[in-house]
PDB file of all heavy atoms in Angstrom:
ATOM      1  N   GLY A   1      73.878  75.294  93.945  1.00  0.00           N
ATOM      2  CA  GLY A   1      75.064  75.954  94.498  1.00  0.00           C
ATOM      3  C   GLY A   1      76.222  75.008  94.735  1.00  0.00           C
ATOM      4  O   GLY A   1      77.365  75.302  94.366  1.00  0.00           O
ATOM      5  N   GLU A   2      75.951  73.868  95.347  1.00  0.00           N
ATOM      6  CA  GLU A   2      77.015  72.893  95.594  1.00  0.00           C
ATOM      7  C   GLU A   2      77.509  72.281  94.279  1.00  0.00           C
ATOM      8  O   GLU A   2      78.692  72.015  94.127  1.00  0.00           O
ATOM      9  CB  GLU A   2      76.551  71.798  96.561  1.00  0.00           C
ATOM     10  CG  GLU A   2      76.493  72.259  98.002  1.00  0.00           C
ATOM     11  CD  GLU A   2      77.835  72.701  98.571  1.00  0.00           C
ATOM     12  OE1 GLU A   2      78.893  72.144  98.189  1.00  0.00           O
ATOM     13  OE2 GLU A   2      77.839  73.618  99.418  1.00  0.00           O
ATOM     14  N   ARG A   3      76.596  72.075  93.332  1.00  0.00           N
ATOM     15  CA  ARG A   3      77.009  71.545  92.022  1.00  0.00           C
ATOM     16  C   ARG A   3      77.930  72.522  91.310  1.00  0.00           C
ATOM     17  O   ARG A   3      78.892  72.119  90.664  1.00  0.00           O
ATOM     18  CB  ARG A   3      75.799  71.273  91.146  1.00  0.00           C
ATOM     19  CG  ARG A   3      75.325  69.878  91.267  1.00  0.00           C
ATOM     20  CD  ARG A   3      74.377  69.546  90.156  1.00  0.00           C
ATOM     21  NE  ARG A   3      73.393  68.649  90.730  1.00  0.00           N
ATOM     22  CZ  ARG A   3      72.239  68.372  90.213  1.00  0.00           C
ATOM     23  NH1 ARG A   3      71.881  68.907  89.077  1.00  0.00           N
ATOM     24  NH2 ARG A   3      71.414  67.550  90.799  1.00  0.00           N
ATOM     25  N   ALA A   4      77.601  73.816  91.414  1.00  0.00           N
ATOM     26  CA  ALA A   4      78.439  74.838  90.779  1.00  0.00           C
ATOM     27  C   ALA A   4      79.827  74.852  91.410  1.00  0.00           C
ATOM     28  O   ALA A   4      80.839  74.920  90.708  1.00  0.00           O
ATOM     29  CB  ALA A   4      77.780  76.210  90.889  1.00  0.00           C
ATOM     30  N   LYS A   5      79.880  74.773  92.731  1.00  0.00           N
ATOM     31  CA  LYS A   5      81.174  74.746  93.428  1.00  0.00           C
ATOM     32  C   LYS A   5      81.988  73.528  92.984  1.00  0.00           C
ATOM     33  O   LYS A   5      83.183  73.633  92.699  1.00  0.00           O
ATOM     34  CB  LYS A   5      80.956  74.718  94.939  1.00  0.00           C
ATOM     35  CG  LYS A   5      82.240  74.641  95.734  1.00  0.00           C
ATOM     36  CD  LYS A   5      81.939  74.543  97.217  1.00  0.00           C
ATOM     37  CE  LYS A   5      83.156  74.674  98.030  1.00  0.00           C
ATOM     38  NZ  LYS A   5      83.893  73.684  98.502  1.00  0.00           N
ATOM     39  N   GLN A   6      81.343  72.366  92.912  1.00  0.00           N
ATOM     40  CA  GLN A   6      82.044  71.145  92.512  1.00  0.00           C
ATOM     41  C   GLN A   6      82.519  71.230  91.066  1.00  0.00           C
ATOM     42  O   GLN A   6      83.633  70.821  90.737  1.00  0.00           O
ATOM     43  CB  GLN A   6      81.146  69.918  92.706  1.00  0.00           C
ATOM     44  CG  GLN A   6      81.879  68.614  92.460  1.00  0.00           C
ATOM     45  CD  GLN A   6      83.052  68.402  93.404  1.00  0.00           C
ATOM     46  OE1 GLN A   6      82.907  68.491  94.621  1.00  0.00           O
ATOM     47  NE2 GLN A   6      84.231  68.124  92.859  1.00  0.00           N
ATOM     48  N   ALA A   7      81.674  71.772  90.185  1.00  0.00           N
ATOM     49  CA  ALA A   7      82.053  71.907  88.768  1.00  0.00           C
ATOM     50  C   ALA A   7      83.275  72.819  88.631  1.00  0.00           C
ATOM     51  O   ALA A   7      84.205  72.519  87.876  1.00  0.00           O
ATOM     52  CB  ALA A   7      80.885  72.439  87.949  1.00  0.00           C
ATOM     53  N   MET A   8      83.277  73.931  89.369  1.00  0.00           N
ATOM     54  CA  MET A   8      84.419  74.847  89.314  1.00  0.00           C
ATOM     55  C   MET A   8      85.664  74.166  89.866  1.00  0.00           C
ATOM     56  O   MET A   8      86.749  74.264  89.293  1.00  0.00           O
ATOM     57  CB  MET A   8      84.127  76.139  90.085  1.00  0.00           C
ATOM     58  CG  MET A   8      85.276  77.135  90.051  1.00  0.00           C
ATOM     59  SD  MET A   8      85.735  77.705  88.408  1.00  0.00           S
ATOM     60  CE  MET A   8      84.404  78.843  88.074  1.00  0.00           C
ATOM     61  N   SER A   9      85.503  73.445  90.958  1.00  0.00           N
ATOM     62  CA  SER A   9      86.639  72.745  91.558  1.00  0.00           C
ATOM     63  C   SER A   9      87.217  71.721  90.583  1.00  0.00           C
ATOM     64  O   SER A   9      88.438  71.651  90.403  1.00  0.00           O
ATOM     65  CB  SER A   9      86.183  72.060  92.849  1.00  0.00           C
ATOM     66  OG  SER A   9      87.282  71.499  93.511  1.00  0.00           O
ATOM     67  N   ASP A  10      86.347  70.952  89.936  1.00  0.00           N
ATOM     68  CA  ASP A  10      86.808  69.959  88.957  1.00  0.00           C
ATOM     69  C   ASP A  10      87.581  70.628  87.814  1.00  0.00           C
ATOM     70  O   ASP A  10      88.518  70.060  87.272  1.00  0.00           O
ATOM     71  CB  ASP A  10      85.624  69.180  88.371  1.00  0.00           C
ATOM     72  CG  ASP A  10      84.958  68.269  89.388  1.00  0.00           C
ATOM     73  OD1 ASP A  10      85.542  68.009  90.470  1.00  0.00           O
ATOM     74  OD2 ASP A  10      83.821  67.827  89.098  1.00  0.00           O
ATOM     75  N   LEU A  11      87.190  71.826  87.490  1.00  0.00           N
ATOM     76  CA  LEU A  11      87.771  72.553  86.363  1.00  0.00           C
ATOM     77  C   LEU A  11      89.126  73.180  86.685  1.00  0.00           C
ATOM     78  O   LEU A  11      90.035  73.159  85.861  1.00  0.00           O
ATOM     79  CB  LEU A  11      86.780  73.632  85.917  1.00  0.00           C
ATOM     80  CG  LEU A  11      87.022  74.390  84.655  1.00  0.00           C
ATOM     81  CD1 LEU A  11      87.061  73.456  83.448  1.00  0.00           C
ATOM     82  CD2 LEU A  11      85.902  75.424  84.473  1.00  0.00           C
ATOM     83  N   VAL A  12      89.277  73.739  87.907  1.00  0.00           N
ATOM     84  CA  VAL A  12      90.454  74.575  88.167  1.00  0.00           C
ATOM     85  C   VAL A  12      91.328  74.186  89.352  1.00  0.00           C
ATOM     86  O   VAL A  12      92.486  74.614  89.427  1.00  0.00           O
ATOM     87  CB  VAL A  12      90.052  76.068  88.342  1.00  0.00           C
ATOM     88  CG1 VAL A  12      89.298  76.575  87.139  1.00  0.00           C
ATOM     89  CG2 VAL A  12      89.251  76.281  89.622  1.00  0.00           C
ATOM     90  N   TYR A  13      90.819  73.411  90.295  1.00  0.00           N
ATOM     91  CA  TYR A  13      91.537  73.190  91.555  1.00  0.00           C
ATOM     92  C   TYR A  13      92.913  72.554  91.339  1.00  0.00           C
ATOM     93  O   TYR A  13      93.046  71.563  90.644  1.00  0.00           O
ATOM     94  CB  TYR A  13      90.705  72.348  92.520  1.00  0.00           C
ATOM     95  CG  TYR A  13      91.353  72.175  93.865  1.00  0.00           C
ATOM     96  CD1 TYR A  13      91.525  73.266  94.716  1.00  0.00           C
ATOM     97  CD2 TYR A  13      91.814  70.944  94.281  1.00  0.00           C
ATOM     98  CE1 TYR A  13      92.136  73.123  95.946  1.00  0.00           C
ATOM     99  CE2 TYR A  13      92.429  70.776  95.519  1.00  0.00           C
ATOM    100  CZ  TYR A  13      92.589  71.876  96.344  1.00  0.00           C
ATOM    101  OH  TYR A  13      93.204  71.741  97.566  1.00  0.00           O
ATOM    102  N   MET A  14      93.910  73.164  91.954  1.00  0.00           N
ATOM    103  CA  MET A  14      95.316  72.748  91.917  1.00  0.00           C
ATOM    104  C   MET A  14      95.891  72.747  90.502  1.00  0.00           C
ATOM    105  O   MET A  14      96.809  71.990  90.192  1.00  0.00           O
ATOM    106  CB  MET A  14      95.517  71.388  92.592  1.00  0.00           C
ATOM    107  CG  MET A  14      95.208  71.426  94.083  1.00  0.00           C
ATOM    108  SD  MET A  14      96.073  72.745  95.000  1.00  0.00           S
ATOM    109  CE  MET A  14      97.750  72.153  94.988  1.00  0.00           C
ATOM    110  N   LYS A  15      95.365  73.630  89.677  1.00  0.00           N
ATOM    111  CA  LYS A  15      95.893  73.809  88.324  1.00  0.00           C
ATOM    112  C   LYS A  15      96.491  75.207  88.216  1.00  0.00           C
ATOM    113  O   LYS A  15      96.042  76.143  88.882  1.00  0.00           O
ATOM    114  CB  LYS A  15      94.791  73.644  87.283  1.00  0.00           C
ATOM    115  CG  LYS A  15      94.265  72.236  87.201  1.00  0.00           C
ATOM    116  CD  LYS A  15      93.228  72.111  86.121  1.00  0.00           C
ATOM    117  CE  LYS A  15      92.650  70.701  86.102  1.00  0.00           C
ATOM    118  NZ  LYS A  15      91.503  70.593  85.208  1.00  0.00           N
ATOM    119  N   ASP A  16      97.488  75.328  87.352  1.00  0.00           N
ATOM    120  CA  ASP A  16      98.008  76.648  87.025  1.00  0.00           C
ATOM    121  C   ASP A  16      97.020  77.305  86.073  1.00  0.00           C
ATOM    122  O   ASP A  16      96.629  76.705  85.068  1.00  0.00           O
ATOM    123  CB  ASP A  16      99.379  76.551  86.355  1.00  0.00           C
ATOM    124  CG  ASP A  16     100.480  76.229  87.354  1.00  0.00           C
ATOM    125  OD1 ASP A  16     100.398  76.730  88.498  1.00  0.00           O
ATOM    126  OD2 ASP A  16     101.405  75.491  86.994  1.00  0.00           O
ATOM    127  N   ALA A  17      96.602  78.506  86.402  1.00  0.00           N
ATOM    128  CA  ALA A  17      95.638  79.228  85.582  1.00  0.00           C
ATOM    129  C   ALA A  17      96.212  80.588  85.211  1.00  0.00           C
ATOM    130  O   ALA A  17      96.958  81.192  85.984  1.00  0.00           O
ATOM    131  CB  ALA A  17      94.324  79.419  86.345  1.00  0.00           C
ATOM    132  N   GLU A  18      95.853  81.034  84.032  1.00  0.00           N
ATOM    133  CA  GLU A  18      96.242  82.378  83.612  1.00  0.00           C
ATOM    134  C   GLU A  18      95.116  83.317  84.030  1.00  0.00           C
ATOM    135  O   GLU A  18      93.972  83.153  83.616  1.00  0.00           O
ATOM    136  CB  GLU A  18      96.439  82.430  82.102  1.00  0.00           C
ATOM    137  CG  GLU A  18      96.923  83.791  81.636  1.00  0.00           C
ATOM    138  CD  GLU A  18      97.178  83.809  80.146  1.00  0.00           C
ATOM    139  OE1 GLU A  18      98.188  83.214  79.722  1.00  0.00           O
ATOM    140  OE2 GLU A  18      96.364  84.420  79.430  1.00  0.00           O
ATOM    141  N   LEU A  19      95.455  84.298  84.868  1.00  0.00           N
ATOM    142  CA  LEU A  19      94.478  85.259  85.364  1.00  0.00           C
ATOM    143  C   LEU A  19      94.666  86.583  84.643  1.00  0.00           C
ATOM    144  O   LEU A  19      95.738  87.180  84.709  1.00  0.00           O
ATOM    145  CB  LEU A  19      94.641  85.479  86.868  1.00  0.00           C
ATOM    146  CG  LEU A  19      94.616  84.244  87.772  1.00  0.00           C
ATOM    147  CD1 LEU A  19      94.764  84.650  89.222  1.00  0.00           C
ATOM    148  CD2 LEU A  19      93.354  83.431  87.553  1.00  0.00           C
ATOM    149  N   ASP A  20      93.628  87.004  83.951  1.00  0.00           N
ATOM    150  CA  ASP A  20      93.623  88.310  83.298  1.00  0.00           C
ATOM    151  C   ASP A  20      92.674  89.172  84.120  1.00  0.00           C
ATOM    152  O   ASP A  20      91.460  89.168  83.909  1.00  0.00           O
ATOM    153  CB  ASP A  20      93.144  88.166  81.850  1.00  0.00           C
ATOM    154  CG  ASP A  20      93.158  89.487  81.093  1.00  0.00           C
ATOM    155  OD1 ASP A  20      93.629  90.506  81.652  1.00  0.00           O
ATOM    156  OD2 ASP A  20      92.675  89.509  79.950  1.00  0.00           O
ATOM    157  N   CYS A  21      93.248  89.874  85.095  1.00  0.00           N
ATOM    158  CA  CYS A  21      92.445  90.632  86.059  1.00  0.00           C
ATOM    159  C   CYS A  21      92.182  92.038  85.540  1.00  0.00           C
ATOM    160  O   CYS A  21      93.096  92.718  85.076  1.00  0.00           O
ATOM    161  CB  CYS A  21      93.143  90.659  87.402  1.00  0.00           C
ATOM    162  SG  CYS A  21      93.442  88.986  88.041  1.00  0.00           S
ATOM    163  N   ARG A  22      90.922  92.434  85.636  1.00  0.00           N
ATOM    164  CA  ARG A  22      90.491  93.687  85.029  1.00  0.00           C
ATOM    165  C   ARG A  22      90.135  94.765  86.031  1.00  0.00           C
ATOM    166  O   ARG A  22      90.090  95.931  85.686  1.00  0.00           O
ATOM    167  CB  ARG A  22      89.322  93.402  84.099  1.00  0.00           C
ATOM    168  CG  ARG A  22      89.762  92.429  83.007  1.00  0.00           C
ATOM    169  CD  ARG A  22      88.671  91.891  82.194  1.00  0.00           C
ATOM    170  NE  ARG A  22      89.250  90.949  81.218  1.00  0.00           N
ATOM    171  CZ  ARG A  22      88.586  90.415  80.238  1.00  0.00           C
ATOM    172  NH1 ARG A  22      87.329  90.704  80.064  1.00  0.00           N
ATOM    173  NH2 ARG A  22      89.174  89.580  79.413  1.00  0.00           N
ATOM    174  N   LYS A  23      89.840  94.369  87.259  1.00  0.00           N
ATOM    175  CA  LYS A  23      89.520  95.368  88.284  1.00  0.00           C
ATOM    176  C   LYS A  23      89.511  94.693  89.644  1.00  0.00           C
ATOM    177  O   LYS A  23      89.638  93.479  89.750  1.00  0.00           O
ATOM    178  CB  LYS A  23      88.176  96.041  88.006  1.00  0.00           C
ATOM    179  CG  LYS A  23      86.961  95.170  88.255  1.00  0.00           C
ATOM    180  CD  LYS A  23      85.668  95.961  88.067  1.00  0.00           C
ATOM    181  CE  LYS A  23      84.485  95.207  88.640  1.00  0.00           C
ATOM    182  NZ  LYS A  23      83.265  95.986  88.573  1.00  0.00           N
ATOM    183  N   ILE A  24      89.341  95.478  90.676  1.00  0.00           N
ATOM    184  CA  ILE A  24      89.157  95.000  92.041  1.00  0.00           C
ATOM    185  C   ILE A  24      87.713  95.350  92.406  1.00  0.00           C
ATOM    186  O   ILE A  24      87.284  96.495  92.222  1.00  0.00           O
ATOM    187  CB  ILE A  24      90.125  95.692  93.028  1.00  0.00           C
ATOM    188  CG1 ILE A  24      91.585  95.524  92.590  1.00  0.00           C
ATOM    189  CG2 ILE A  24      89.894  95.194  94.441  1.00  0.00           C
ATOM    190  CD1 ILE A  24      92.112  94.118  92.633  1.00  0.00           C
ATOM    191  N   ASP A  25      86.950  94.370  92.918  1.00  0.00           N
ATOM    192  CA  ASP A  25      85.558  94.663  93.262  1.00  0.00           C
ATOM    193  C   ASP A  25      85.458  95.273  94.655  1.00  0.00           C
ATOM    194  O   ASP A  25      86.467  95.437  95.351  1.00  0.00           O
ATOM    195  CB  ASP A  25      84.658  93.432  93.075  1.00  0.00           C
ATOM    196  CG  ASP A  25      84.857  92.339  94.109  1.00  0.00           C
ATOM    197  OD1 ASP A  25      85.598  92.532  95.103  1.00  0.00           O
ATOM    198  OD2 ASP A  25      84.259  91.265  93.939  1.00  0.00           O
ATOM    199  N   ARG A  26      84.247  95.579  95.068  1.00  0.00           N
ATOM    200  CA  ARG A  26      84.043  96.265  96.352  1.00  0.00           C
ATOM    201  C   ARG A  26      84.395  95.404  97.547  1.00  0.00           C
ATOM    202  O   ARG A  26      84.490  95.888  98.666  1.00  0.00           O
ATOM    203  CB  ARG A  26      82.616  96.782  96.451  1.00  0.00           C
ATOM    204  CG  ARG A  26      81.579  95.700  96.494  1.00  0.00           C
ATOM    205  CD  ARG A  26      80.199  96.283  96.566  1.00  0.00           C
ATOM    206  NE  ARG A  26      79.216  95.223  96.561  1.00  0.00           N
ATOM    207  CZ  ARG A  26      77.995  95.363  96.129  1.00  0.00           C
ATOM    208  NH1 ARG A  26      77.591  96.513  95.657  1.00  0.00           N
ATOM    209  NH2 ARG A  26      77.169  94.358  96.165  1.00  0.00           N
ATOM    210  N   TYR A  27      84.571  94.101  97.346  1.00  0.00           N
ATOM    211  CA  TYR A  27      84.964  93.191  98.422  1.00  0.00           C
ATOM    212  C   TYR A  27      86.471  92.917  98.412  1.00  0.00           C
ATOM    213  O   TYR A  27      86.945  92.042  99.133  1.00  0.00           O
ATOM    214  CB  TYR A  27      84.199  91.864  98.308  1.00  0.00           C
ATOM    215  CG  TYR A  27      82.701  92.065  98.330  1.00  0.00           C
ATOM    216  CD1 TYR A  27      81.945  91.906  97.173  1.00  0.00           C
ATOM    217  CD2 TYR A  27      82.034  92.452  99.495  1.00  0.00           C
ATOM    218  CE1 TYR A  27      80.575  92.111  97.172  1.00  0.00           C
ATOM    219  CE2 TYR A  27      80.669  92.661  99.498  1.00  0.00           C
ATOM    220  CZ  TYR A  27      79.941  92.484  98.341  1.00  0.00           C
ATOM    221  OH  TYR A  27      78.590  92.698  98.353  1.00  0.00           O
ATOM    222  N   GLY A  28      87.208  93.608  97.560  1.00  0.00           N
ATOM    223  CA  GLY A  28      88.657  93.452  97.483  1.00  0.00           C
ATOM    224  C   GLY A  28      89.119  92.273  96.646  1.00  0.00           C
ATOM    225  O   GLY A  28      90.295  91.928  96.661  1.00  0.00           O
ATOM    226  N   ARG A  29      88.200  91.644  95.912  1.00  0.00           N
ATOM    227  CA  ARG A  29      88.576  90.512  95.060  1.00  0.00           C
ATOM    228  C   ARG A  29      89.027  91.022  93.697  1.00  0.00           C
ATOM    229  O   ARG A  29      88.472  91.995  93.174  1.00  0.00           O
ATOM    230  CB  ARG A  29      87.382  89.567  94.862  1.00  0.00           C
ATOM    231  CG  ARG A  29      86.846  88.982  96.142  1.00  0.00           C
ATOM    232  CD  ARG A  29      85.594  88.181  95.904  1.00  0.00           C
ATOM    233  NE  ARG A  29      84.530  89.044  95.391  1.00  0.00           N
ATOM    234  CZ  ARG A  29      83.268  88.671  95.266  1.00  0.00           C
ATOM    235  NH1 ARG A  29      82.895  87.457  95.596  1.00  0.00           N
ATOM    236  NH2 ARG A  29      82.358  89.508  94.793  1.00  0.00           N
ATOM    237  N   SER A  30      89.998  90.343  93.121  1.00  0.00           N
ATOM    238  CA  SER A  30      90.417  90.644  91.754  1.00  0.00           C
ATOM    239  C   SER A  30      89.381  90.011  90.823  1.00  0.00           C
ATOM    240  O   SER A  30      89.064  88.833  90.957  1.00  0.00           O
ATOM    241  CB  SER A  30      91.792  90.040  91.471  1.00  0.00           C
ATOM    242  OG  SER A  30      92.760  90.624  92.304  1.00  0.00           O
ATOM    243  N   VAL A  31      88.841  90.799  89.909  1.00  0.00           N
ATOM    244  CA  VAL A  31      87.861  90.287  88.950  1.00  0.00           C
ATOM    245  C   VAL A  31      88.637  89.913  87.692  1.00  0.00           C
ATOM    246  O   VAL A  31      89.238  90.768  87.045  1.00  0.00           O
ATOM    247  CB  VAL A  31      86.769  91.335  88.646  1.00  0.00           C
ATOM    248  CG1 VAL A  31      85.769  90.798  87.638  1.00  0.00           C
ATOM    249  CG2 VAL A  31      86.065  91.746  89.941  1.00  0.00           C
ATOM    250  N   CYS A  32      88.634  88.614  87.370  1.00  0.00           N
ATOM    251  CA  CYS A  32      89.533  88.105  86.341  1.00  0.00           C
ATOM    252  C   CYS A  32      88.842  87.152  85.372  1.00  0.00           C
ATOM    253  O   CYS A  32      87.929  86.425  85.748  1.00  0.00           O
ATOM    254  CB  CYS A  32      90.681  87.316  86.973  1.00  0.00           C
ATOM    255  SG  CYS A  32      91.537  88.125  88.326  1.00  0.00           S
ATOM    256  N   ARG A  33      89.363  87.143  84.167  1.00  0.00           N
ATOM    257  CA  ARG A  33      89.075  86.054  83.239  1.00  0.00           C
ATOM    258  C   ARG A  33      90.084  84.972  83.599  1.00  0.00           C
ATOM    259  O   ARG A  33      91.279  85.253  83.750  1.00  0.00           O
ATOM    260  CB  ARG A  33      89.267  86.517  81.804  1.00  0.00           C
ATOM    261  CG  ARG A  33      88.930  85.442  80.790  1.00  0.00           C
ATOM    262  CD  ARG A  33      89.011  85.991  79.388  1.00  0.00           C
ATOM    263  NE  ARG A  33      88.476  85.020  78.443  1.00  0.00           N
ATOM    264  CZ  ARG A  33      88.851  84.937  77.190  1.00  0.00           C
ATOM    265  NH1 ARG A  33      89.742  85.787  76.712  1.00  0.00           N
ATOM    266  NH2 ARG A  33      88.324  84.036  76.400  1.00  0.00           N
ATOM    267  N   VAL A  34      89.627  83.746  83.758  1.00  0.00           N
ATOM    268  CA  VAL A  34      90.473  82.655  84.223  1.00  0.00           C
ATOM    269  C   VAL A  34      90.581  81.606  83.120  1.00  0.00           C
ATOM    270  O   VAL A  34      89.577  81.016  82.714  1.00  0.00           O
ATOM    271  CB  VAL A  34      89.894  82.027  85.512  1.00  0.00           C
ATOM    272  CG1 VAL A  34      90.728  80.846  85.966  1.00  0.00           C
ATOM    273  CG2 VAL A  34      89.802  83.079  86.617  1.00  0.00           C
ATOM    274  N   MET A  35      91.800  81.394  82.655  1.00  0.00           N
ATOM    275  CA  MET A  35      92.060  80.412  81.604  1.00  0.00           C
ATOM    276  C   MET A  35      92.841  79.249  82.214  1.00  0.00           C
ATOM    277  O   MET A  35      93.850  79.467  82.887  1.00  0.00           O
ATOM    278  CB  MET A  35      92.865  81.035  80.463  1.00  0.00           C
ATOM    279  CG  MET A  35      92.209  82.261  79.829  1.00  0.00           C
ATOM    280  SD  MET A  35      90.636  81.929  79.022  1.00  0.00           S
ATOM    281  CE  MET A  35      91.206  81.043  77.579  1.00  0.00           C
ATOM    282  N   VAL A  36      92.352  78.026  81.980  1.00  0.00           N
ATOM    283  CA  VAL A  36      92.996  76.824  82.516  1.00  0.00           C
ATOM    284  C   VAL A  36      93.379  75.894  81.368  1.00  0.00           C
ATOM    285  O   VAL A  36      92.793  75.978  80.283  1.00  0.00           O
ATOM    286  CB  VAL A  36      92.085  76.081  83.522  1.00  0.00           C
ATOM    287  CG1 VAL A  36      91.885  76.906  84.772  1.00  0.00           C
ATOM    288  CG2 VAL A  36      90.763  75.706  82.902  1.00  0.00           C
ATOM    289  N   PRO A  37      94.338  74.993  81.607  1.00  0.00           N
ATOM    290  CA  PRO A  37      94.701  74.040  80.554  1.00  0.00           C
ATOM    291  C   PRO A  37      93.486  73.190  80.158  1.00  0.00           C
ATOM    292  O   PRO A  37      92.741  72.723  81.022  1.00  0.00           O
ATOM    293  CB  PRO A  37      95.778  73.164  81.208  1.00  0.00           C
ATOM    294  CG  PRO A  37      96.294  73.975  82.343  1.00  0.00           C
ATOM    295  CD  PRO A  37      95.152  74.827  82.799  1.00  0.00           C
ATOM    296  N   ALA A  38      93.287  73.024  78.869  1.00  0.00           N
ATOM    297  CA  ALA A  38      92.174  72.217  78.365  1.00  0.00           C
ATOM    298  C   ALA A  38      92.570  70.755  78.353  1.00  0.00           C
ATOM    299  O   ALA A  38      93.721  70.417  78.075  1.00  0.00           O
ATOM    300  CB  ALA A  38      91.782  72.678  76.965  1.00  0.00           C
TER     301      ALA A  38
END
């Protein structure tokens, strides 16, 4: 779990990302495909 959080953070944190949001889930979160600069 912590490794997954760190991997995601390394990938996206403080980067501009393109969010292609497809729905809102039952917790009010936008469910999105997230594209970041390679």
